[in-house]
Amino acid sequence: MVLVPEGSFTMGCTEGAGHCMTGGLDRPPHQVWLSAFVIDRTEVTQRAYDECVAARACSAPASGFDPAHDGSLPVTNVGWDGARRYCLWAGKRLPTEAEWEKAARGTDERRYPWGDELPRCDLANFEPCGGTLRAAGSLPAGASIYGALDMVGNAEEWVNDWFDGSYYATAPPRDPPGPALRIEHVVRGGSSRDDEWHSATTVRMWDVGAPAPERGF
């Protein structure tokens, strides 16, 4: 795991940045103070998830799961509940949306984990790079300032929060826990099937919690 120290950062997209979402779903930009936390350096792999399956604490994904041959790939086809169960088994938890964004973006409002330079295939596994998963953590040049890998591209990632498009306007400024019960959960980071726009660190996506072949945690 890597340490993200306590302190403030700007969460959300600044108007005119060129990658803000229509409808203001990643706005307004606002200052958030977070306590220090640690986050896994890489996406959870098939090999790691298989240990939870072997312990009968997790259910094997319905498809795309072959840890004997693809153990270093991110585990996908796991719904939000399944991701949460794995984290509990591992003695951890899913990051909040604010924690995910700070781990990916740092404190200098960068567009991507490595800075403002547009993605390349040595920095992120996104759609122009073939559209298939790669081994978790295999692109060290794309690390965030804290050393977290694959924060954009490869598998998109569940976070703990429910999705509320207006939450940024009302979120508490210190350790925001996410909105109260809603329908969808937040998904972050884009996938190997997404373009550079979806790979920006401020872009927010959401789903009802269902498994998907491009989605991990």
C-alpha atoms as a PDB file:
ATOM      1  CA  MET A   1       0.000   0.000   0.000  1.00  0.00           C
ATOM      2  CA  VAL A   2       1.064   3.630  -0.422  1.00  0.00           C
ATOM      3  CA  LEU A   3       0.567   6.517   1.990  1.00  0.00           C
ATOM      4  CA  VAL A   4      -1.457   9.594   1.099  1.00  0.00           C
ATOM      5  CA  PRO A   5      -0.686  12.203   3.778  1.00  0.00           C
ATOM      6  CA  GLU A   6      -3.284  14.349   5.485  1.00  0.00           C
ATOM      7  CA  GLY A   7      -4.135  17.743   4.091  1.00  0.00           C
ATOM      8  CA  SER A   8      -6.221  19.645   1.581  1.00  0.00           C
ATOM      9  CA  PHE A   9      -6.596  19.258  -2.158  1.00  0.00           C
ATOM     10  CA  THR A  10      -8.894  20.604  -4.847  1.00  0.00           C
ATOM     11  CA  MET A  11     -11.553  18.070  -5.784  1.00  0.00           C
ATOM     12  CA  GLY A  12     -13.504  18.483  -9.005  1.00  0.00           C
ATOM     13  CA  CYS A  13     -12.943  20.088 -12.374  1.00  0.00           C
ATOM     14  CA  THR A  14     -12.120  23.768 -12.844  1.00  0.00           C
ATOM     15  CA  GLU A  15     -14.267  25.482 -15.470  1.00  0.00           C
ATOM     16  CA  GLY A  16     -12.367  25.860 -18.739  1.00  0.00           C
ATOM     17  CA  ALA A  17     -10.007  22.968 -18.042  1.00  0.00           C
ATOM     18  CA  GLY A  18     -11.153  21.217 -21.236  1.00  0.00           C
ATOM     19  CA  HIS A  19     -12.190  17.925 -19.677  1.00  0.00           C
ATOM     20  CA  CYS A  20     -15.082  18.878 -17.386  1.00  0.00           C
ATOM     21  CA  MET A  21     -18.248  16.796 -17.610  1.00  0.00           C
ATOM     22  CA  THR A  22     -21.382  18.238 -19.151  1.00  0.00           C
ATOM     23  CA  GLY A  23     -24.071  18.918 -16.594  1.00  0.00           C
ATOM     24  CA  GLY A  24     -21.582  19.893 -13.901  1.00  0.00           C
ATOM     25  CA  LEU A  25     -21.307  16.416 -12.370  1.00  0.00           C
ATOM     26  CA  ASP A  26     -17.658  17.033 -11.458  1.00  0.00           C
ATOM     27  CA  ARG A  27     -18.286  20.594 -10.267  1.00  0.00           C
ATOM     28  CA  PRO A  28     -18.028  22.853  -8.419  1.00  0.00           C
ATOM     29  CA  PRO A  29     -14.330  22.419  -7.648  1.00  0.00           C
ATOM     30  CA  HIS A  30     -13.952  22.591  -3.891  1.00  0.00           C
ATOM     31  CA  GLN A  31     -11.336  22.230  -1.196  1.00  0.00           C
ATOM     32  CA  VAL A  32     -11.414  18.953   0.711  1.00  0.00           C
ATOM     33  CA  TRP A  33      -9.320  18.124   3.781  1.00  0.00           C
ATOM     34  CA  LEU A  34      -8.583  14.415   4.206  1.00  0.00           C
ATOM     35  CA  SER A  35      -7.013  12.528   7.058  1.00  0.00           C
ATOM     36  CA  ALA A  36      -3.978  10.462   6.109  1.00  0.00           C
ATOM     37  CA  PHE A  37      -4.811   7.070   4.605  1.00  0.00           C
ATOM     38  CA  VAL A  38      -3.194   4.215   2.726  1.00  0.00           C
ATOM     39  CA  ILE A  39      -4.403   2.706  -0.526  1.00  0.00           C
ATOM     40  CA  ASP A  40      -3.347  -0.377  -2.474  1.00  0.00           C
ATOM     41  CA  ARG A  41      -0.510   0.404  -4.873  1.00  0.00           C
ATOM     42  CA  THR A  42      -2.206  -1.599  -7.638  1.00  0.00           C
ATOM     43  CA  GLU A  43      -5.657  -2.754  -8.590  1.00  0.00           C
ATOM     44  CA  VAL A  44      -6.697  -5.990  -6.880  1.00  0.00           C
ATOM     45  CA  THR A  45      -5.463  -8.873  -9.021  1.00  0.00           C
ATOM     46  CA  GLN A  46      -7.130 -12.133  -9.957  1.00  0.00           C
ATOM     47  CA  ARG A  47      -4.524 -13.953  -7.868  1.00  0.00           C
ATOM     48  CA  ALA A  48      -5.288 -11.895  -4.763  1.00  0.00           C
ATOM     49  CA  TYR A  49      -9.035 -12.213  -5.261  1.00  0.00           C
ATOM     50  CA  ASP A  50      -8.712 -15.988  -5.703  1.00  0.00           C
ATOM     51  CA  GLU A  51      -7.367 -16.224  -2.159  1.00  0.00           C
ATOM     52  CA  CYS A  52     -10.668 -14.769  -0.963  1.00  0.00           C
ATOM     53  CA  VAL A  53     -12.568 -17.256  -3.147  1.00  0.00           C
ATOM     54  CA  ALA A  54     -10.514 -20.110  -1.686  1.00  0.00           C
ATOM     55  CA  ALA A  55     -11.383 -18.883   1.809  1.00  0.00           C
ATOM     56  CA  ARG A  56     -15.078 -18.954   0.795  1.00  0.00           C
ATOM     57  CA  ALA A  57     -15.450 -15.286   1.652  1.00  0.00           C
ATOM     58  CA  CYS A  58     -15.850 -14.214  -1.995  1.00  0.00           C
ATOM     59  CA  SER A  59     -17.687 -15.570  -5.015  1.00  0.00           C
ATOM     60  CA  ALA A  60     -15.780 -16.243  -8.222  1.00  0.00           C
ATOM     61  CA  PRO A  61     -16.700 -13.872 -11.049  1.00  0.00           C
ATOM     62  CA  ALA A  62     -19.058 -15.388 -13.596  1.00  0.00           C
ATOM     63  CA  SER A  63     -16.649 -14.828 -16.483  1.00  0.00           C
ATOM     64  CA  GLY A  64     -13.136 -13.668 -17.312  1.00  0.00           C
ATOM     65  CA  PHE A  65     -11.653 -15.230 -14.181  1.00  0.00           C
ATOM     66  CA  ASP A  66      -8.684 -17.566 -14.655  1.00  0.00           C
ATOM     67  CA  PRO A  67      -6.200 -16.845 -11.872  1.00  0.00           C
ATOM     68  CA  ALA A  68      -4.005 -19.799 -12.774  1.00  0.00           C
ATOM     69  CA  HIS A  69      -3.162 -18.174 -16.116  1.00  0.00           C
ATOM     70  CA  ASP A  70      -4.151 -14.510 -15.656  1.00  0.00           C
ATOM     71  CA  GLY A  71      -3.282 -14.020 -12.005  1.00  0.00           C
ATOM     72  CA  SER A  72      -1.516 -10.692 -12.518  1.00  0.00           C
ATOM     73  CA  LEU A  73      -4.465  -9.106 -14.353  1.00  0.00           C
ATOM     74  CA  PRO A  74      -6.907  -6.942 -12.393  1.00  0.00           C
ATOM     75  CA  VAL A  75      -9.908  -8.914 -11.236  1.00  0.00           C
ATOM     76  CA  THR A  76     -13.052  -7.679 -13.006  1.00  0.00           C
ATOM     77  CA  ASN A  77     -16.679  -8.770 -13.298  1.00  0.00           C
ATOM     78  CA  VAL A  78     -17.068  -8.128  -9.562  1.00  0.00           C
ATOM     79  CA  GLY A  79     -20.007  -6.010  -8.452  1.00  0.00           C
ATOM     80  CA  TRP A  80     -19.867  -3.357  -5.747  1.00  0.00           C
ATOM     81  CA  ASP A  81     -21.073  -5.769  -3.058  1.00  0.00           C
ATOM     82  CA  GLY A  82     -18.447  -8.302  -4.100  1.00  0.00           C
ATOM     83  CA  ALA A  83     -15.714  -5.669  -3.999  1.00  0.00           C
ATOM     84  CA  ARG A  84     -16.828  -4.621  -0.527  1.00  0.00           C
ATOM     85  CA  ARG A  85     -16.809  -8.253   0.685  1.00  0.00           C
ATOM     86  CA  TYR A  86     -13.260  -8.741  -0.577  1.00  0.00           C
ATOM     87  CA  CYS A  87     -12.100  -5.583   1.205  1.00  0.00           C
ATOM     88  CA  LEU A  88     -13.690  -6.695   4.478  1.00  0.00           C
ATOM     89  CA  TRP A  89     -12.041 -10.114   4.154  1.00  0.00           C
ATOM     90  CA  ALA A  90      -8.679  -8.423   3.558  1.00  0.00           C
ATOM     91  CA  GLY A  91      -9.118  -6.152   6.591  1.00  0.00           C
ATOM     92  CA  LYS A  92      -9.492  -3.075   4.399  1.00  0.00           C
ATOM     93  CA  ARG A  93     -12.282  -1.063   2.764  1.00  0.00           C
ATOM     94  CA  LEU A  94     -13.098   0.631  -0.511  1.00  0.00           C
ATOM     95  CA  PRO A  95     -11.744   4.191  -0.691  1.00  0.00           C
ATOM     96  CA  THR A  96     -14.144   7.073  -0.588  1.00  0.00           C
ATOM     97  CA  GLU A  97     -14.509   9.025  -3.811  1.00  0.00           C
ATOM     98  CA  ALA A  98     -12.508  11.899  -2.307  1.00  0.00           C
ATOM     99  CA  GLU A  99      -9.720   9.548  -1.230  1.00  0.00           C
ATOM    100  CA  TRP A 100      -9.599   7.991  -4.685  1.00  0.00           C
ATOM    101  CA  GLU A 101      -9.312  11.405  -6.358  1.00  0.00           C
ATOM    102  CA  LYS A 102      -6.567  12.650  -4.059  1.00  0.00           C
ATOM    103  CA  ALA A 103      -4.589   9.411  -4.483  1.00  0.00           C
ATOM    104  CA  ALA A 104      -4.877   9.844  -8.254  1.00  0.00           C
ATOM    105  CA  ARG A 105      -4.476  13.616  -8.532  1.00  0.00           C
ATOM    106  CA  GLY A 106      -2.381  14.868  -5.652  1.00  0.00           C
ATOM    107  CA  THR A 107      -2.657  18.478  -4.534  1.00  0.00           C
ATOM    108  CA  ASP A 108      -1.717  20.416  -7.689  1.00  0.00           C
ATOM    109  CA  GLU A 109      -4.949  19.924  -9.687  1.00  0.00           C
ATOM    110  CA  ARG A 110      -3.278  17.750 -12.316  1.00  0.00           C
ATOM    111  CA  ARG A 111      -5.462  16.314 -15.043  1.00  0.00           C
ATOM    112  CA  TYR A 112      -3.873  12.836 -14.964  1.00  0.00           C
ATOM    113  CA  PRO A 113      -1.919  10.979 -12.264  1.00  0.00           C
ATOM    114  CA  TRP A 114       1.414  11.829 -13.917  1.00  0.00           C
ATOM    115  CA  GLY A 115       0.564  15.477 -14.708  1.00  0.00           C
ATOM    116  CA  ASP A 116      -1.231  17.327 -17.493  1.00  0.00           C
ATOM    117  CA  GLU A 117       0.435  15.535 -20.423  1.00  0.00           C
ATOM    118  CA  LEU A 118      -2.080  13.591 -22.501  1.00  0.00           C
ATOM    119  CA  PRO A 119      -2.098   9.811 -22.020  1.00  0.00           C
ATOM    120  CA  ARG A 120       0.285   7.568 -23.941  1.00  0.00           C
ATOM    121  CA  CYS A 121       0.470   3.801 -23.864  1.00  0.00           C
ATOM    122  CA  ASP A 122       3.527   3.888 -21.581  1.00  0.00           C
ATOM    123  CA  LEU A 123       1.533   5.945 -19.053  1.00  0.00           C
ATOM    124  CA  ALA A 124      -1.946   4.385 -19.111  1.00  0.00           C
ATOM    125  CA  ASN A 125      -3.701   1.413 -20.651  1.00  0.00           C
ATOM    126  CA  PHE A 126      -6.577   3.202 -22.375  1.00  0.00           C
ATOM    127  CA  GLU A 127      -8.549   2.564 -25.573  1.00  0.00           C
ATOM    128  CA  PRO A 128      -5.834   3.371 -28.195  1.00  0.00           C
ATOM    129  CA  CYS A 129      -3.515   0.829 -26.528  1.00  0.00           C
ATOM    130  CA  GLY A 130      -5.479  -2.248 -27.603  1.00  0.00           C
ATOM    131  CA  GLY A 131      -8.556  -2.269 -25.396  1.00  0.00           C
ATOM    132  CA  THR A 132      -7.531  -5.264 -23.269  1.00  0.00           C
ATOM    133  CA  LEU A 133      -6.383  -5.576 -19.678  1.00  0.00           C
ATOM    134  CA  ARG A 134      -2.703  -5.638 -18.746  1.00  0.00           C
ATOM    135  CA  ALA A 135      -0.975  -6.868 -15.614  1.00  0.00           C
ATOM    136  CA  ALA A 136      -1.791  -4.618 -12.678  1.00  0.00           C
ATOM    137  CA  GLY A 137       0.974  -2.102 -12.009  1.00  0.00           C
ATOM    138  CA  SER A 138       2.821  -2.719 -15.268  1.00  0.00           C
ATOM    139  CA  LEU A 139       3.085   0.974 -16.238  1.00  0.00           C
ATOM    140  CA  PRO A 140       5.242   2.596 -13.531  1.00  0.00           C
ATOM    141  CA  ALA A 141       5.729   5.787 -15.574  1.00  0.00           C
ATOM    142  CA  GLY A 142       2.029   6.515 -15.043  1.00  0.00           C
ATOM    143  CA  ALA A 143       2.183   6.434 -11.241  1.00  0.00           C
ATOM    144  CA  SER A 144       0.519   9.154  -9.210  1.00  0.00           C
ATOM    145  CA  ILE A 145       2.620  11.450  -7.029  1.00  0.00           C
ATOM    146  CA  TYR A 146       2.028   9.011  -4.155  1.00  0.00           C
ATOM    147  CA  GLY A 147       3.064   5.938  -6.155  1.00  0.00           C
ATOM    148  CA  ALA A 148      -0.398   4.506  -6.892  1.00  0.00           C
ATOM    149  CA  LEU A 149      -0.552   2.740 -10.270  1.00  0.00           C
ATOM    150  CA  ASP A 150      -3.286   2.293 -12.892  1.00  0.00           C
ATOM    151  CA  MET A 151      -5.395   4.992 -11.291  1.00  0.00           C
ATOM    152  CA  VAL A 152      -6.628   5.713 -14.803  1.00  0.00           C
ATOM    153  CA  GLY A 153      -7.019   3.093 -17.505  1.00  0.00           C
ATOM    154  CA  ASN A 154      -6.733  -0.699 -17.265  1.00  0.00           C
ATOM    155  CA  ALA A 155      -9.756  -1.517 -15.036  1.00  0.00           C
ATOM    156  CA  GLU A 156     -12.092   1.240 -13.920  1.00  0.00           C
ATOM    157  CA  GLU A 157     -12.637   1.133 -10.186  1.00  0.00           C
ATOM    158  CA  TRP A 158     -15.455   0.995  -7.694  1.00  0.00           C
ATOM    159  CA  VAL A 159     -15.255   3.422  -4.784  1.00  0.00           C
ATOM    160  CA  ASN A 160     -17.322   3.352  -1.618  1.00  0.00           C
ATOM    161  CA  ASP A 161     -19.652   6.278  -2.347  1.00  0.00           C
ATOM    162  CA  TRP A 162     -23.187   6.282  -3.611  1.00  0.00           C
ATOM    163  CA  PHE A 163     -23.573   8.584  -6.616  1.00  0.00           C
ATOM    164  CA  ASP A 164     -25.305  11.940  -6.292  1.00  0.00           C
ATOM    165  CA  GLY A 165     -24.688  14.421  -9.092  1.00  0.00           C
ATOM    166  CA  SER A 166     -25.167  17.409  -6.789  1.00  0.00           C
ATOM    167  CA  TYR A 167     -23.085  16.148  -3.854  1.00  0.00           C
ATOM    168  CA  TYR A 168     -20.086  18.380  -4.565  1.00  0.00           C
ATOM    169  CA  ALA A 169     -22.163  21.460  -3.759  1.00  0.00           C
ATOM    170  CA  THR A 170     -23.126  20.180  -0.294  1.00  0.00           C
ATOM    171  CA  ALA A 171     -20.323  17.778   0.722  1.00  0.00           C
ATOM    172  CA  PRO A 172     -18.637  18.460   4.064  1.00  0.00           C
ATOM    173  CA  PRO A 173     -15.161  19.957   3.645  1.00  0.00           C
ATOM    174  CA  ARG A 174     -13.461  17.419   5.918  1.00  0.00           C
ATOM    175  CA  ASP A 175     -13.324  13.663   5.184  1.00  0.00           C
ATOM    176  CA  PRO A 176     -16.553  13.596   3.127  1.00  0.00           C
ATOM    177  CA  PRO A 177     -18.165  10.152   3.523  1.00  0.00           C
ATOM    178  CA  GLY A 178     -20.286  10.345   0.379  1.00  0.00           C
ATOM    179  CA  PRO A 179     -24.032  10.928   0.118  1.00  0.00           C
ATOM    180  CA  ALA A 180     -26.735   8.970   1.878  1.00  0.00           C
ATOM    181  CA  LEU A 181     -28.356   5.946   0.252  1.00  0.00           C
ATOM    182  CA  ARG A 182     -28.998   6.356  -3.470  1.00  0.00           C
ATOM    183  CA  ILE A 183     -29.351   3.946  -6.415  1.00  0.00           C
ATOM    184  CA  GLU A 184     -25.960   3.967  -8.139  1.00  0.00           C
ATOM    185  CA  HIS A 185     -22.375   3.733  -6.909  1.00  0.00           C
ATOM    186  CA  VAL A 186     -19.483   5.850  -8.170  1.00  0.00           C
ATOM    187  CA  VAL A 187     -16.977   4.359 -10.617  1.00  0.00           C
ATOM    188  CA  ARG A 188     -13.656   6.111 -11.245  1.00  0.00           C
ATOM    189  CA  GLY A 189     -10.587   6.026 -13.453  1.00  0.00           C
ATOM    190  CA  GLY A 190     -11.742   4.893 -16.890  1.00  0.00           C
ATOM    191  CA  SER A 191     -10.778   1.546 -18.385  1.00  0.00           C
ATOM    192  CA  SER A 192      -8.741   0.015 -21.177  1.00  0.00           C
ATOM    193  CA  ARG A 193     -11.797   0.580 -23.385  1.00  0.00           C
ATOM    194  CA  ASP A 194     -12.104   4.309 -22.663  1.00  0.00           C
ATOM    195  CA  ASP A 195     -10.641   7.370 -24.355  1.00  0.00           C
ATOM    196  CA  GLU A 196      -8.434  10.101 -22.882  1.00  0.00           C
ATOM    197  CA  TRP A 197     -11.426  12.161 -21.736  1.00  0.00           C
ATOM    198  CA  HIS A 198     -12.707   9.352 -19.491  1.00  0.00           C
ATOM    199  CA  SER A 199      -9.177   8.946 -18.137  1.00  0.00           C
ATOM    200  CA  ALA A 200      -9.069  12.377 -16.488  1.00  0.00           C
ATOM    201  CA  THR A 201      -8.791  12.189 -12.710  1.00  0.00           C
ATOM    202  CA  THR A 202     -11.940  14.268 -12.098  1.00  0.00           C
ATOM    203  CA  VAL A 203     -14.362  12.361 -14.344  1.00  0.00           C
ATOM    204  CA  ARG A 204     -17.137  10.593 -12.411  1.00  0.00           C
ATOM    205  CA  MET A 205     -19.051   7.597 -13.734  1.00  0.00           C
ATOM    206  CA  TRP A 206     -21.652   5.472 -11.967  1.00  0.00           C
ATOM    207  CA  ASP A 207     -23.494   2.161 -12.067  1.00  0.00           C
ATOM    208  CA  VAL A 208     -26.098   0.354  -9.997  1.00  0.00           C
ATOM    209  CA  GLY A 209     -23.429  -1.990  -8.598  1.00  0.00           C
ATOM    210  CA  ALA A 210     -23.453  -4.639 -11.296  1.00  0.00           C
ATOM    211  CA  PRO A 211     -20.385  -6.608 -12.429  1.00  0.00           C
ATOM    212  CA  ALA A 212     -18.781  -5.517 -15.700  1.00  0.00           C
ATOM    213  CA  PRO A 213     -15.827  -6.915 -17.682  1.00  0.00           C
ATOM    214  CA  GLU A 214     -13.932  -3.611 -17.555  1.00  0.00           C
ATOM    215  CA  ARG A 215     -14.549  -2.861 -13.865  1.00  0.00           C
ATOM    216  CA  GLY A 216     -12.380  -3.746 -10.882  1.00  0.00           C
ATOM    217  CA  PHE A 217     -11.367  -2.050  -7.639  1.00  0.00           C
END
